[in-house]
Amino acid sequence: NGVEVGGHRTQGLRRQMQPVFQDPSA
């Protein structure tokens, strides 16, 4: 969204991005 990941505004990106990983049990 035009904001650099790892930059000073990264915290605002946390809600916009989510992972779903391989092992649901873990």
PDB file of all heavy atoms in Angstrom:
ATOM      1  N   ASN A   1       0.833  -1.216   0.000  1.00  0.00           N
ATOM      2  CA  ASN A   1       0.000   0.000   0.000  1.00  0.00           C
ATOM      3  C   ASN A   1       0.859   1.254   0.000  1.00  0.00           C
ATOM      4  O   ASN A   1       0.505   2.267   0.627  1.00  0.00           O
ATOM      5  CB  ASN A   1      -0.951   0.011   1.199  1.00  0.00           C
ATOM      6  CG  ASN A   1      -2.391  -0.248   0.793  1.00  0.00           C
ATOM      7  OD1 ASN A   1      -2.754  -0.112  -0.372  1.00  0.00           O
ATOM      8  ND2 ASN A   1      -3.209  -0.620   1.753  1.00  0.00           N
ATOM      9  N   GLY A   2       2.014   1.182  -0.640  1.00  0.00           N
ATOM     10  CA  GLY A   2       2.896   2.331  -0.731  1.00  0.00           C
ATOM     11  C   GLY A   2       3.742   2.602   0.487  1.00  0.00           C
ATOM     12  O   GLY A   2       4.519   3.556   0.507  1.00  0.00           O
ATOM     13  N   VAL A   3       3.618   1.749   1.518  1.00  0.00           N
ATOM     14  CA  VAL A   3       4.387   1.916   2.747  1.00  0.00           C
ATOM     15  C   VAL A   3       5.485   0.859   2.789  1.00  0.00           C
ATOM     16  O   VAL A   3       5.227  -0.330   2.556  1.00  0.00           O
ATOM     17  CB  VAL A   3       3.490   1.779   4.001  1.00  0.00           C
ATOM     18  CG1 VAL A   3       4.320   1.881   5.269  1.00  0.00           C
ATOM     19  CG2 VAL A   3       2.400   2.840   3.978  1.00  0.00           C
ATOM     20  N   GLU A   4       6.706   1.274   3.091  1.00  0.00           N
ATOM     21  CA  GLU A   4       7.811   0.332   3.108  1.00  0.00           C
ATOM     22  C   GLU A   4       7.748  -0.576   4.333  1.00  0.00           C
ATOM     23  O   GLU A   4       7.662  -0.107   5.464  1.00  0.00           O
ATOM     24  CB  GLU A   4       9.154   1.071   3.089  1.00  0.00           C
ATOM     25  CG  GLU A   4      10.347   0.123   2.985  1.00  0.00           C
ATOM     26  CD  GLU A   4      11.660   0.836   2.744  1.00  0.00           C
ATOM     27  OE1 GLU A   4      11.651   2.073   2.550  1.00  0.00           O
ATOM     28  OE2 GLU A   4      12.706   0.153   2.744  1.00  0.00           O
ATOM     29  N   VAL A   5       7.786  -1.867   4.088  1.00  0.00           N
ATOM     30  CA  VAL A   5       7.810  -2.844   5.172  1.00  0.00           C
ATOM     31  C   VAL A   5       9.150  -2.721   5.892  1.00  0.00           C
ATOM     32  O   VAL A   5      10.203  -2.724   5.274  1.00  0.00           O
ATOM     33  CB  VAL A   5       7.626  -4.274   4.628  1.00  0.00           C
ATOM     34  CG1 VAL A   5       7.758  -5.301   5.750  1.00  0.00           C
ATOM     35  CG2 VAL A   5       6.273  -4.405   3.938  1.00  0.00           C
ATOM     36  N   GLY A   6       9.099  -2.604   7.211  1.00  0.00           N
ATOM     37  CA  GLY A   6      10.313  -2.405   7.985  1.00  0.00           C
ATOM     38  C   GLY A   6      10.606  -0.954   8.273  1.00  0.00           C
ATOM     39  O   GLY A   6      11.479  -0.636   9.078  1.00  0.00           O
ATOM     40  N   GLY A   7       9.875  -0.064   7.620  1.00  0.00           N
ATOM     41  CA  GLY A   7      10.055   1.356   7.881  1.00  0.00           C
ATOM     42  C   GLY A   7       9.333   1.782   9.151  1.00  0.00           C
ATOM     43  O   GLY A   7       8.724   0.979   9.853  1.00  0.00           O
ATOM     44  N   HIS A   8       9.370   3.078   9.441  1.00  0.00           N
ATOM     45  CA  HIS A   8       8.818   3.567  10.712  1.00  0.00           C
ATOM     46  C   HIS A   8       7.301   3.473  10.765  1.00  0.00           C
ATOM     47  O   HIS A   8       6.701   3.558  11.837  1.00  0.00           O
ATOM     48  CB  HIS A   8       9.263   5.014  10.960  1.00  0.00           C
ATOM     49  CG  HIS A   8       8.684   6.010  10.001  1.00  0.00           C
ATOM     50  ND1 HIS A   8       9.170   6.184   8.720  1.00  0.00           N
ATOM     51  CD2 HIS A   8       7.643   6.872  10.124  1.00  0.00           C
ATOM     52  CE1 HIS A   8       8.467   7.119   8.102  1.00  0.00           C
ATOM     53  NE2 HIS A   8       7.539   7.553   8.925  1.00  0.00           N
ATOM     54  N   ARG A   9       6.651   3.268   9.595  1.00  0.00           N
ATOM     55  CA  ARG A   9       5.198   3.155   9.586  1.00  0.00           C
ATOM     56  C   ARG A   9       4.723   1.704   9.444  1.00  0.00           C
ATOM     57  O   ARG A   9       3.549   1.457   9.189  1.00  0.00           O
ATOM     58  CB  ARG A   9       4.622   3.994   8.443  1.00  0.00           C
ATOM     59  CG  ARG A   9       4.792   5.492   8.633  1.00  0.00           C
ATOM     60  CD  ARG A   9       3.958   6.257   7.629  1.00  0.00           C
ATOM     61  NE  ARG A   9       4.439   6.052   6.259  1.00  0.00           N
ATOM     62  CZ  ARG A   9       3.697   6.295   5.172  1.00  0.00           C
ATOM     63  NH1 ARG A   9       2.466   6.731   5.295  1.00  0.00           N
ATOM     64  NH2 ARG A   9       4.208   6.099   3.966  1.00  0.00           N
ATOM     65  N   THR A  10       5.603   0.740   9.633  1.00  0.00           N
ATOM     66  CA  THR A  10       5.258  -0.660   9.430  1.00  0.00           C
ATOM     67  C   THR A  10       4.120  -1.121  10.331  1.00  0.00           C
ATOM     68  O   THR A  10       3.302  -1.948   9.926  1.00  0.00           O
ATOM     69  CB  THR A  10       6.486  -1.560   9.672  1.00  0.00           C
ATOM     70  OG1 THR A  10       7.488  -1.230   8.701  1.00  0.00           O
ATOM     71  CG2 THR A  10       6.132  -3.027   9.504  1.00  0.00           C
ATOM     72  N   GLN A  11       4.059  -0.601  11.557  1.00  0.00           N
ATOM     73  CA  GLN A  11       3.037  -1.050  12.497  1.00  0.00           C
ATOM     74  C   GLN A  11       1.638  -0.933  11.902  1.00  0.00           C
ATOM     75  O   GLN A  11       0.771  -1.767  12.153  1.00  0.00           O
ATOM     76  CB  GLN A  11       3.135  -0.247  13.799  1.00  0.00           C
ATOM     77  CG  GLN A  11       2.206  -0.744  14.902  1.00  0.00           C
ATOM     78  CD  GLN A  11       2.515  -2.168  15.315  1.00  0.00           C
ATOM     79  OE1 GLN A  11       3.666  -2.570  15.332  1.00  0.00           O
ATOM     80  NE2 GLN A  11       1.484  -2.926  15.647  1.00  0.00           N
ATOM     81  N   GLY A  12       1.428   0.090  11.106  1.00  0.00           N
ATOM     82  CA  GLY A  12       0.123   0.276  10.486  1.00  0.00           C
ATOM     83  C   GLY A  12      -0.214  -0.773   9.446  1.00  0.00           C
ATOM     84  O   GLY A  12      -1.377  -0.923   9.053  1.00  0.00           O
ATOM     85  N   LEU A  13       0.803  -1.521   8.989  1.00  0.00           N
ATOM     86  CA  LEU A  13       0.575  -2.566   7.990  1.00  0.00           C
ATOM     87  C   LEU A  13       0.133  -3.881   8.603  1.00  0.00           C
ATOM     88  O   LEU A  13      -0.387  -4.746   7.898  1.00  0.00           O
ATOM     89  CB  LEU A  13       1.859  -2.819   7.178  1.00  0.00           C
ATOM     90  CG  LEU A  13       2.389  -1.686   6.326  1.00  0.00           C
ATOM     91  CD1 LEU A  13       3.713  -2.092   5.690  1.00  0.00           C
ATOM     92  CD2 LEU A  13       1.386  -1.307   5.247  1.00  0.00           C
ATOM     93  N   ARG A  14       0.344  -4.045   9.908  1.00  0.00           N
ATOM     94  CA  ARG A  14       0.110  -5.353  10.530  1.00  0.00           C
ATOM     95  C   ARG A  14      -1.311  -5.838  10.317  1.00  0.00           C
ATOM     96  O   ARG A  14      -1.551  -7.013  10.073  1.00  0.00           O
ATOM     97  CB  ARG A  14       0.404  -5.280  12.033  1.00  0.00           C
ATOM     98  CG  ARG A  14       1.835  -4.917  12.378  1.00  0.00           C
ATOM     99  CD  ARG A  14       2.823  -5.936  11.879  1.00  0.00           C
ATOM    100  NE  ARG A  14       4.173  -5.617  12.334  1.00  0.00           N
ATOM    101  CZ  ARG A  14       5.264  -6.169  11.836  1.00  0.00           C
ATOM    102  NH1 ARG A  14       5.165  -7.060  10.876  1.00  0.00           N
ATOM    103  NH2 ARG A  14       6.464  -5.831  12.288  1.00  0.00           N
ATOM    104  N   ARG A  15      -2.256  -4.926  10.421  1.00  0.00           N
ATOM    105  CA  ARG A  15      -3.656  -5.314  10.280  1.00  0.00           C
ATOM    106  C   ARG A  15      -3.994  -5.661   8.834  1.00  0.00           C
ATOM    107  O   ARG A  15      -4.931  -6.434   8.577  1.00  0.00           O
ATOM    108  CB  ARG A  15      -4.549  -4.177  10.776  1.00  0.00           C
ATOM    109  CG  ARG A  15      -6.026  -4.518  10.758  1.00  0.00           C
ATOM    110  CD  ARG A  15      -6.858  -3.485  11.482  1.00  0.00           C
ATOM    111  NE  ARG A  15      -8.257  -3.847  11.456  1.00  0.00           N
ATOM    112  CZ  ARG A  15      -9.203  -3.222  12.144  1.00  0.00           C
ATOM    113  NH1 ARG A  15      -8.874  -2.205  12.917  1.00  0.00           N
ATOM    114  NH2 ARG A  15     -10.450  -3.607  12.075  1.00  0.00           N
ATOM    115  N   GLN A  16      -3.266  -5.107   7.892  1.00  0.00           N
ATOM    116  CA  GLN A  16      -3.574  -5.312   6.478  1.00  0.00           C
ATOM    117  C   GLN A  16      -3.060  -6.643   5.935  1.00  0.00           C
ATOM    118  O   GLN A  16      -3.517  -7.100   4.891  1.00  0.00           O
ATOM    119  CB  GLN A  16      -2.979  -4.172   5.647  1.00  0.00           C
ATOM    120  CG  GLN A  16      -3.502  -2.799   6.010  1.00  0.00           C
ATOM    121  CD  GLN A  16      -2.794  -1.703   5.240  1.00  0.00           C
ATOM    122  OE1 GLN A  16      -2.394  -1.891   4.092  1.00  0.00           O
ATOM    123  NE2 GLN A  16      -2.616  -0.555   5.873  1.00  0.00           N
ATOM    124  N   MET A  17      -2.087  -7.254   6.626  1.00  0.00           N
ATOM    125  CA  MET A  17      -1.449  -8.472   6.131  1.00  0.00           C
ATOM    126  C   MET A  17      -1.598  -9.599   7.151  1.00  0.00           C
ATOM    127  O   MET A  17      -1.347  -9.393   8.340  1.00  0.00           O
ATOM    128  CB  MET A  17       0.039  -8.239   5.871  1.00  0.00           C
ATOM    129  CG  MET A  17       0.353  -7.089   4.949  1.00  0.00           C
ATOM    130  SD  MET A  17       2.121  -7.026   4.537  1.00  0.00           S
ATOM    131  CE  MET A  17       2.831  -6.585   6.126  1.00  0.00           C
ATOM    132  N   GLN A  18      -1.973 -10.790   6.672  1.00  0.00           N
ATOM    133  CA  GLN A  18      -2.096 -11.932   7.569  1.00  0.00           C
ATOM    134  C   GLN A  18      -1.573 -13.184   6.873  1.00  0.00           C
ATOM    135  O   GLN A  18      -1.742 -13.353   5.662  1.00  0.00           O
ATOM    136  CB  GLN A  18      -3.547 -12.150   7.988  1.00  0.00           C
ATOM    137  CG  GLN A  18      -4.110 -11.071   8.895  1.00  0.00           C
ATOM    138  CD  GLN A  18      -3.440 -11.043  10.255  1.00  0.00           C
ATOM    139  OE1 GLN A  18      -3.197 -12.084  10.851  1.00  0.00           O
ATOM    140  NE2 GLN A  18      -3.139  -9.844  10.745  1.00  0.00           N
ATOM    141  N   PRO A  19      -0.951 -14.101   7.619  1.00  0.00           N
ATOM    142  CA  PRO A  19      -0.477 -15.359   7.034  1.00  0.00           C
ATOM    143  C   PRO A  19      -1.392 -16.536   7.375  1.00  0.00           C
ATOM    144  O   PRO A  19      -2.060 -16.558   8.413  1.00  0.00           O
ATOM    145  CB  PRO A  19       0.880 -15.538   7.712  1.00  0.00           C
ATOM    146  CG  PRO A  19       0.663 -14.964   9.092  1.00  0.00           C
ATOM    147  CD  PRO A  19      -0.361 -13.864   8.959  1.00  0.00           C
ATOM    148  N   VAL A  20      -1.391 -17.519   6.485  1.00  0.00           N
ATOM    149  CA  VAL A  20      -1.943 -18.849   6.783  1.00  0.00           C
ATOM    150  C   VAL A  20      -0.841 -19.835   6.427  1.00  0.00           C
ATOM    151  O   VAL A  20      -0.475 -19.967   5.254  1.00  0.00           O
ATOM    152  CB  VAL A  20      -3.217 -19.150   5.964  1.00  0.00           C
ATOM    153  CG1 VAL A  20      -3.677 -20.594   6.210  1.00  0.00           C
ATOM    154  CG2 VAL A  20      -4.331 -18.172   6.330  1.00  0.00           C
ATOM    155  N   PHE A  21      -0.302 -20.510   7.440  1.00  0.00           N
ATOM    156  CA  PHE A  21       0.849 -21.373   7.216  1.00  0.00           C
ATOM    157  C   PHE A  21       0.437 -22.825   6.977  1.00  0.00           C
ATOM    158  O   PHE A  21      -0.735 -23.186   7.064  1.00  0.00           O
ATOM    159  CB  PHE A  21       1.819 -21.275   8.391  1.00  0.00           C
ATOM    160  CG  PHE A  21       2.483 -19.925   8.514  1.00  0.00           C
ATOM    161  CD1 PHE A  21       2.352 -19.163   9.670  1.00  0.00           C
ATOM    162  CD2 PHE A  21       3.231 -19.407   7.464  1.00  0.00           C
ATOM    163  CE1 PHE A  21       2.958 -17.925   9.787  1.00  0.00           C
ATOM    164  CE2 PHE A  21       3.838 -18.161   7.567  1.00  0.00           C
ATOM    165  CZ  PHE A  21       3.706 -17.423   8.731  1.00  0.00           C
ATOM    166  N   GLN A  22       1.440 -23.632   6.716  1.00  0.00           N
ATOM    167  CA  GLN A  22       1.247 -24.998   6.245  1.00  0.00           C
ATOM    168  C   GLN A  22       0.544 -25.904   7.244  1.00  0.00           C
ATOM    169  O   GLN A  22      -0.398 -26.609   6.899  1.00  0.00           O
ATOM    170  CB  GLN A  22       2.615 -25.589   5.883  1.00  0.00           C
ATOM    171  CG  GLN A  22       2.571 -27.052   5.471  1.00  0.00           C
ATOM    172  CD  GLN A  22       3.959 -27.551   5.095  1.00  0.00           C
ATOM    173  OE1 GLN A  22       4.918 -26.786   5.094  1.00  0.00           O
ATOM    174  NE2 GLN A  22       4.063 -28.809   4.763  1.00  0.00           N
ATOM    175  N   ASP A  23       1.015 -25.911   8.480  1.00  0.00           N
ATOM    176  CA  ASP A  23       0.542 -26.890   9.455  1.00  0.00           C
ATOM    177  C   ASP A  23      -0.437 -26.232  10.428  1.00  0.00           C
ATOM    178  O   ASP A  23      -0.028 -25.512  11.334  1.00  0.00           O
ATOM    179  CB  ASP A  23       1.739 -27.460  10.226  1.00  0.00           C
ATOM    180  CG  ASP A  23       1.344 -28.572  11.189  1.00  0.00           C
ATOM    181  OD1 ASP A  23       0.131 -28.835  11.321  1.00  0.00           O
ATOM    182  OD2 ASP A  23       2.240 -29.179  11.793  1.00  0.00           O
ATOM    183  N   PRO A  24      -1.745 -26.478  10.265  1.00  0.00           N
ATOM    184  CA  PRO A  24      -2.710 -25.828  11.154  1.00  0.00           C
ATOM    185  C   PRO A  24      -2.567 -26.263  12.606  1.00  0.00           C
ATOM    186  O   PRO A  24      -2.851 -25.489  13.520  1.00  0.00           O
ATOM    187  CB  PRO A  24      -4.063 -26.256  10.577  1.00  0.00           C
ATOM    188  CG  PRO A  24      -3.789 -27.507   9.808  1.00  0.00           C
ATOM    189  CD  PRO A  24      -2.397 -27.344   9.276  1.00  0.00           C
ATOM    190  N   SER A  25      -2.111 -27.487  12.831  1.00  0.00           N
ATOM    191  CA  SER A  25      -1.949 -27.963  14.209  1.00  0.00           C
ATOM    192  C   SER A  25      -0.896 -27.159  14.946  1.00  0.00           C
ATOM    193  O   SER A  25      -1.059 -26.802  16.120  1.00  0.00           O
ATOM    194  CB  SER A  25      -1.575 -29.447  14.211  1.00  0.00           C
ATOM    195  OG  SER A  25      -2.590 -30.225  13.609  1.00  0.00           O
ATOM    196  N   ALA A  26       0.214 -26.851  14.260  1.00  0.00           N
ATOM    197  CA  ALA A  26       1.286 -26.086  14.878  1.00  0.00           C
ATOM    198  C   ALA A  26       0.888 -24.630  15.078  1.00  0.00           C
ATOM    199  O   ALA A  26       1.406 -23.950  15.965  1.00  0.00           O
ATOM    200  CB  ALA A  26       2.551 -26.171  14.028  1.00  0.00           C
TER     201      ALA A  26
END
